[in-house]
Amino acid sequence: MKMYRNPAVFLDRDGTINEDTGYIDSPERLALIDGAASAIKKLNSKGFKVIIITNQSGVGRGYFSEEAADAVNKKLEEILKKQGAHLDGIYYCPHHPDDNCECRKPKIGLLEKAKKDLDIDFKKSYVVGDKVSDVELAHNIGGKDILVLTGEGMKHKKMLKSQPSYIADDLKDAVEWIIKDSLKS
């Protein structure tokens, strides 16, 4: 049986890293949340694989193309690079919620792909996002879950069925907690 080695922080995109302005169909609509780039840079410096896992149902709904989704992700990578941060991967589900695919959060299809691509140990990993589906995703891989109160986090906090490992004001706060928590194990 293969032993996976790398800890990862799986990040939701819209509402966690960048402002959630609805279906982001062009790079011009992308605006980072204050402190997000420096938080990702800090994770990079601590040896975590930093991976975006995002549902982009706007593609499946016909609101924008996969090329448009890719252009937004490319712009995000460029912004982060200018601030000294990088992503190890971006994985997104382009399907409509009714498609019942294996890659839409909270299902773990995208994380399984990232695990194989980047040698990820789920048990040492964290999932950070602003929705219940992000918290459930962490439970589904046996990782730790952090709900951020940016984006739709305040609304989704009221919908939680169980208490996450941590509730953070924003990504910067989440990263500070992750670094402290990772030193315990």
C-alpha atoms as a PDB file:
ATOM      1  CA  MET A   1       0.000   0.000   0.000  1.00  0.00           C
ATOM      2  CA  LYS A   2       1.376   3.404  -0.996  1.00  0.00           C
ATOM      3  CA  MET A   3       2.108   5.814   1.835  1.00  0.00           C
ATOM      4  CA  TYR A   4       1.256   9.432   1.004  1.00  0.00           C
ATOM      5  CA  ARG A   5       3.557  11.981   2.552  1.00  0.00           C
ATOM      6  CA  ASN A   6       2.620  15.622   1.994  1.00  0.00           C
ATOM      7  CA  PRO A   7       0.266  17.642   4.160  1.00  0.00           C
ATOM      8  CA  ALA A   8      -2.022  19.895   2.155  1.00  0.00           C
ATOM      9  CA  VAL A   9      -4.336  22.786   2.692  1.00  0.00           C
ATOM     10  CA  PHE A  10      -7.281  22.513   0.343  1.00  0.00           C
ATOM     11  CA  LEU A  11      -8.802  25.932  -0.188  1.00  0.00           C
ATOM     12  CA  ASP A  12     -12.162  26.898  -1.553  1.00  0.00           C
ATOM     13  CA  ARG A  13     -11.797  29.793  -4.015  1.00  0.00           C
ATOM     14  CA  ASP A  14     -14.816  32.120  -4.104  1.00  0.00           C
ATOM     15  CA  GLY A  15     -15.512  33.622  -0.689  1.00  0.00           C
ATOM     16  CA  THR A  16     -12.297  32.206   0.817  1.00  0.00           C
ATOM     17  CA  ILE A  17      -9.443  33.562  -1.336  1.00  0.00           C
ATOM     18  CA  ASN A  18     -11.326  36.068  -3.469  1.00  0.00           C
ATOM     19  CA  GLU A  19     -14.493  38.078  -3.020  1.00  0.00           C
ATOM     20  CA  ASP A  20     -17.583  36.052  -3.923  1.00  0.00           C
ATOM     21  CA  THR A  21     -19.251  38.288  -6.493  1.00  0.00           C
ATOM     22  CA  GLY A  22     -21.537  35.617  -7.934  1.00  0.00           C
ATOM     23  CA  TYR A  23     -20.546  33.603 -10.967  1.00  0.00           C
ATOM     24  CA  ILE A  24     -17.062  34.935 -11.767  1.00  0.00           C
ATOM     25  CA  ASP A  25     -16.989  34.660 -15.533  1.00  0.00           C
ATOM     26  CA  SER A  26     -13.996  36.874 -16.347  1.00  0.00           C
ATOM     27  CA  PRO A  27     -10.593  37.698 -14.836  1.00  0.00           C
ATOM     28  CA  GLU A  28     -11.626  41.357 -14.472  1.00  0.00           C
ATOM     29  CA  ARG A  29     -14.190  40.350 -11.830  1.00  0.00           C
ATOM     30  CA  LEU A  30     -11.554  38.681  -9.620  1.00  0.00           C
ATOM     31  CA  ALA A  31     -10.689  40.572  -6.420  1.00  0.00           C
ATOM     32  CA  LEU A  32      -8.654  38.974  -3.633  1.00  0.00           C
ATOM     33  CA  ILE A  33      -9.751  39.218  -0.013  1.00  0.00           C
ATOM     34  CA  ASP A  34      -7.261  41.275   2.025  1.00  0.00           C
ATOM     35  CA  GLY A  35      -4.503  39.094   3.450  1.00  0.00           C
ATOM     36  CA  ALA A  36      -5.274  36.042   1.283  1.00  0.00           C
ATOM     37  CA  ALA A  37      -2.055  36.172  -0.767  1.00  0.00           C
ATOM     38  CA  SER A  38       0.152  36.600   2.302  1.00  0.00           C
ATOM     39  CA  ALA A  39      -1.693  33.729   4.017  1.00  0.00           C
ATOM     40  CA  ILE A  40      -1.020  31.431   1.047  1.00  0.00           C
ATOM     41  CA  LYS A  41       2.614  32.573   1.002  1.00  0.00           C
ATOM     42  CA  LYS A  42       2.893  31.608   4.678  1.00  0.00           C
ATOM     43  CA  LEU A  43       1.510  28.124   3.932  1.00  0.00           C
ATOM     44  CA  ASN A  44       4.049  27.805   1.089  1.00  0.00           C
ATOM     45  CA  SER A  45       6.871  28.670   3.479  1.00  0.00           C
ATOM     46  CA  LYS A  46       5.732  26.017   5.984  1.00  0.00           C
ATOM     47  CA  GLY A  47       5.859  23.208   3.413  1.00  0.00           C
ATOM     48  CA  PHE A  48       2.147  22.681   2.847  1.00  0.00           C
ATOM     49  CA  LYS A  49       0.836  21.847  -0.601  1.00  0.00           C
ATOM     50  CA  VAL A  50      -1.728  24.564  -1.312  1.00  0.00           C
ATOM     51  CA  ILE A  51      -4.520  23.409  -3.566  1.00  0.00           C
ATOM     52  CA  ILE A  52      -7.752  25.039  -4.675  1.00  0.00           C
ATOM     53  CA  ILE A  53     -10.815  22.805  -4.760  1.00  0.00           C
ATOM     54  CA  THR A  54     -13.806  24.693  -6.128  1.00  0.00           C
ATOM     55  CA  ASN A  55     -17.254  24.021  -7.503  1.00  0.00           C
ATOM     56  CA  GLN A  56     -17.785  26.091 -10.654  1.00  0.00           C
ATOM     57  CA  SER A  57     -21.330  25.164 -11.628  1.00  0.00           C
ATOM     58  CA  GLY A  58     -21.528  28.278 -13.815  1.00  0.00           C
ATOM     59  CA  VAL A  59     -19.897  26.118 -16.498  1.00  0.00           C
ATOM     60  CA  GLY A  60     -22.504  23.366 -16.189  1.00  0.00           C
ATOM     61  CA  ARG A  61     -25.290  25.939 -16.084  1.00  0.00           C
ATOM     62  CA  GLY A  62     -24.030  27.474 -19.341  1.00  0.00           C
ATOM     63  CA  TYR A  63     -23.203  30.862 -17.744  1.00  0.00           C
ATOM     64  CA  PHE A  64     -19.583  30.717 -18.907  1.00  0.00           C
ATOM     65  CA  SER A  65     -17.141  28.340 -20.596  1.00  0.00           C
ATOM     66  CA  GLU A  66     -14.366  26.196 -19.148  1.00  0.00           C
ATOM     67  CA  GLU A  67     -11.970  28.566 -20.958  1.00  0.00           C
ATOM     68  CA  ALA A  68     -13.446  31.478 -18.960  1.00  0.00           C
ATOM     69  CA  ALA A  69     -13.054  29.502 -15.707  1.00  0.00           C
ATOM     70  CA  ASP A  70      -9.447  28.707 -16.662  1.00  0.00           C
ATOM     71  CA  ALA A  71      -8.770  32.402 -17.409  1.00  0.00           C
ATOM     72  CA  VAL A  72     -10.015  33.375 -13.928  1.00  0.00           C
ATOM     73  CA  ASN A  73      -7.782  30.729 -12.324  1.00  0.00           C
ATOM     74  CA  LYS A  74      -4.791  31.861 -14.401  1.00  0.00           C
ATOM     75  CA  LYS A  75      -5.359  35.466 -13.259  1.00  0.00           C
ATOM     76  CA  LEU A  76      -5.505  34.276  -9.635  1.00  0.00           C
ATOM     77  CA  GLU A  77      -2.168  32.492 -10.057  1.00  0.00           C
ATOM     78  CA  GLU A  78      -0.626  35.635 -11.588  1.00  0.00           C
ATOM     79  CA  ILE A  79      -1.827  37.837  -8.717  1.00  0.00           C
ATOM     80  CA  LEU A  80      -0.453  35.367  -6.145  1.00  0.00           C
ATOM     81  CA  LYS A  81       2.881  35.056  -7.961  1.00  0.00           C
ATOM     82  CA  LYS A  82       3.334  38.855  -7.880  1.00  0.00           C
ATOM     83  CA  GLN A  83       2.917  38.658  -4.097  1.00  0.00           C
ATOM     84  CA  GLY A  84       5.386  35.787  -3.656  1.00  0.00           C
ATOM     85  CA  ALA A  85       2.787  33.020  -3.215  1.00  0.00           C
ATOM     86  CA  HIS A  86       1.924  30.010  -5.361  1.00  0.00           C
ATOM     87  CA  LEU A  87      -0.625  27.248  -5.712  1.00  0.00           C
ATOM     88  CA  ASP A  88       0.372  23.620  -6.163  1.00  0.00           C
ATOM     89  CA  GLY A  89      -2.834  22.860  -8.009  1.00  0.00           C
ATOM     90  CA  ILE A  90      -6.285  24.055  -8.972  1.00  0.00           C
ATOM     91  CA  TYR A  91      -9.033  21.495  -9.355  1.00  0.00           C
ATOM     92  CA  TYR A  92     -12.593  22.457 -10.151  1.00  0.00           C
ATOM     93  CA  CYS A  93     -15.912  20.776 -10.761  1.00  0.00           C
ATOM     94  CA  PRO A  94     -17.556  22.245 -13.870  1.00  0.00           C
ATOM     95  CA  HIS A  95     -20.769  20.251 -13.451  1.00  0.00           C
ATOM     96  CA  HIS A  96     -24.317  21.306 -12.671  1.00  0.00           C
ATOM     97  CA  PRO A  97     -25.355  20.306  -9.124  1.00  0.00           C
ATOM     98  CA  ASP A  98     -27.976  17.935 -10.573  1.00  0.00           C
ATOM     99  CA  ASP A  99     -25.350  15.986 -12.573  1.00  0.00           C
ATOM    100  CA  ASN A 100     -24.507  13.826  -9.531  1.00  0.00           C
ATOM    101  CA  CYS A 101     -20.807  13.747 -10.481  1.00  0.00           C
ATOM    102  CA  GLU A 102     -18.030  12.458  -8.223  1.00  0.00           C
ATOM    103  CA  CYS A 103     -16.081  15.727  -8.231  1.00  0.00           C
ATOM    104  CA  ARG A 104     -18.586  18.213  -6.773  1.00  0.00           C
ATOM    105  CA  LYS A 105     -17.876  19.086  -3.146  1.00  0.00           C
ATOM    106  CA  PRO A 106     -18.503  17.546  -0.659  1.00  0.00           C
ATOM    107  CA  LYS A 107     -17.652  14.443  -2.728  1.00  0.00           C
ATOM    108  CA  ILE A 108     -13.923  13.714  -2.787  1.00  0.00           C
ATOM    109  CA  GLY A 109     -13.242  13.022  -6.479  1.00  0.00           C
ATOM    110  CA  LEU A 110     -11.113  16.143  -6.992  1.00  0.00           C
ATOM    111  CA  LEU A 111      -9.176  15.517  -3.786  1.00  0.00           C
ATOM    112  CA  GLU A 112      -8.428  11.942  -4.816  1.00  0.00           C
ATOM    113  CA  LYS A 113      -6.933  13.299  -8.037  1.00  0.00           C
ATOM    114  CA  ALA A 114      -4.852  15.858  -6.107  1.00  0.00           C
ATOM    115  CA  LYS A 115      -3.753  13.119  -3.670  1.00  0.00           C
ATOM    116  CA  LYS A 116      -2.332  11.050  -6.519  1.00  0.00           C
ATOM    117  CA  ASP A 117      -0.859  14.032  -8.395  1.00  0.00           C
ATOM    118  CA  LEU A 118       0.844  15.610  -5.367  1.00  0.00           C
ATOM    119  CA  ASP A 119       1.432  12.723  -2.900  1.00  0.00           C
ATOM    120  CA  ILE A 120      -1.016  14.092  -0.293  1.00  0.00           C
ATOM    121  CA  ASP A 121      -1.671  12.582   3.139  1.00  0.00           C
ATOM    122  CA  PHE A 122      -5.349  13.364   3.870  1.00  0.00           C
ATOM    123  CA  LYS A 123      -4.961  12.724   7.612  1.00  0.00           C
ATOM    124  CA  LYS A 124      -2.389  15.557   7.848  1.00  0.00           C
ATOM    125  CA  SER A 125      -4.455  17.889   5.669  1.00  0.00           C
ATOM    126  CA  TYR A 126      -6.911  20.730   6.157  1.00  0.00           C
ATOM    127  CA  VAL A 127      -9.891  22.026   4.190  1.00  0.00           C
ATOM    128  CA  VAL A 128     -10.717  25.739   4.404  1.00  0.00           C
ATOM    129  CA  GLY A 129     -13.874  27.251   2.993  1.00  0.00           C
ATOM    130  CA  ASP A 130     -16.947  29.372   3.564  1.00  0.00           C
ATOM    131  CA  LYS A 131     -19.626  26.714   3.058  1.00  0.00           C
ATOM    132  CA  VAL A 132     -20.996  23.614   4.765  1.00  0.00           C
ATOM    133  CA  SER A 133     -19.837  21.569   1.744  1.00  0.00           C
ATOM    134  CA  ASP A 134     -16.212  22.507   2.572  1.00  0.00           C
ATOM    135  CA  VAL A 135     -16.631  21.342   6.178  1.00  0.00           C
ATOM    136  CA  GLU A 136     -18.245  18.101   4.987  1.00  0.00           C
ATOM    137  CA  LEU A 137     -15.432  17.611   2.471  1.00  0.00           C
ATOM    138  CA  ALA A 138     -12.879  17.642   5.305  1.00  0.00           C
ATOM    139  CA  HIS A 139     -14.924  15.054   7.213  1.00  0.00           C
ATOM    140  CA  ASN A 140     -15.108  12.887   4.084  1.00  0.00           C
ATOM    141  CA  ILE A 141     -11.297  12.662   3.841  1.00  0.00           C
ATOM    142  CA  GLY A 142     -10.576  12.503   7.577  1.00  0.00           C
ATOM    143  CA  GLY A 143      -8.864  15.906   7.556  1.00  0.00           C
ATOM    144  CA  LYS A 144      -9.459  18.983   9.679  1.00  0.00           C
ATOM    145  CA  ASP A 145     -12.112  21.499   8.729  1.00  0.00           C
ATOM    146  CA  ILE A 146     -11.973  25.275   9.017  1.00  0.00           C
ATOM    147  CA  LEU A 147     -14.939  27.491   8.215  1.00  0.00           C
ATOM    148  CA  VAL A 148     -14.021  31.058   7.278  1.00  0.00           C
ATOM    149  CA  LEU A 149     -16.546  33.809   7.988  1.00  0.00           C
ATOM    150  CA  THR A 150     -15.786  35.633   4.732  1.00  0.00           C
ATOM    151  CA  GLY A 151     -17.970  35.014   1.674  1.00  0.00           C
ATOM    152  CA  GLU A 152     -21.013  33.031   2.783  1.00  0.00           C
ATOM    153  CA  GLY A 153     -19.380  31.843   6.005  1.00  0.00           C
ATOM    154  CA  MET A 154     -21.670  33.735   8.392  1.00  0.00           C
ATOM    155  CA  LYS A 155     -24.780  32.272   6.720  1.00  0.00           C
ATOM    156  CA  HIS A 156     -23.317  28.759   6.548  1.00  0.00           C
ATOM    157  CA  LYS A 157     -22.151  28.864  10.182  1.00  0.00           C
ATOM    158  CA  LYS A 158     -25.833  28.689  11.163  1.00  0.00           C
ATOM    159  CA  MET A 159     -26.318  25.621   8.912  1.00  0.00           C
ATOM    160  CA  LEU A 160     -23.514  23.476  10.389  1.00  0.00           C
ATOM    161  CA  LYS A 161     -24.515  20.080  11.765  1.00  0.00           C
ATOM    162  CA  SER A 162     -21.325  19.772  13.812  1.00  0.00           C
ATOM    163  CA  GLN A 163     -18.657  22.110  15.115  1.00  0.00           C
ATOM    164  CA  PRO A 164     -15.689  22.434  12.729  1.00  0.00           C
ATOM    165  CA  SER A 165     -12.115  22.117  13.990  1.00  0.00           C
ATOM    166  CA  TYR A 166     -11.908  25.923  13.827  1.00  0.00           C
ATOM    167  CA  ILE A 167     -14.003  28.904  12.780  1.00  0.00           C
ATOM    168  CA  ALA A 168     -11.793  31.662  11.376  1.00  0.00           C
ATOM    169  CA  ASP A 169     -12.475  35.306  10.651  1.00  0.00           C
ATOM    170  CA  ASP A 170     -10.712  34.963   7.302  1.00  0.00           C
ATOM    171  CA  LEU A 171      -8.031  32.970   5.484  1.00  0.00           C
ATOM    172  CA  LYS A 172      -5.221  34.717   7.351  1.00  0.00           C
ATOM    173  CA  ASP A 173      -6.748  33.697  10.703  1.00  0.00           C
ATOM    174  CA  ALA A 174      -7.285  30.131   9.391  1.00  0.00           C
ATOM    175  CA  VAL A 175      -3.643  29.841   8.334  1.00  0.00           C
ATOM    176  CA  GLU A 176      -2.388  31.017  11.731  1.00  0.00           C
ATOM    177  CA  TRP A 177      -4.511  28.278  13.351  1.00  0.00           C
ATOM    178  CA  ILE A 178      -3.370  25.620  10.858  1.00  0.00           C
ATOM    179  CA  ILE A 179       0.306  26.373  11.511  1.00  0.00           C
ATOM    180  CA  LYS A 180      -0.169  26.169  15.302  1.00  0.00           C
ATOM    181  CA  ASP A 181      -2.268  23.003  15.001  1.00  0.00           C
ATOM    182  CA  SER A 182       0.214  21.285  12.681  1.00  0.00           C
ATOM    183  CA  LEU A 183       3.000  21.754  15.224  1.00  0.00           C
ATOM    184  CA  LYS A 184       1.026  19.679  17.774  1.00  0.00           C
ATOM    185  CA  SER A 185       1.198  16.471  15.752  1.00  0.00           C
END
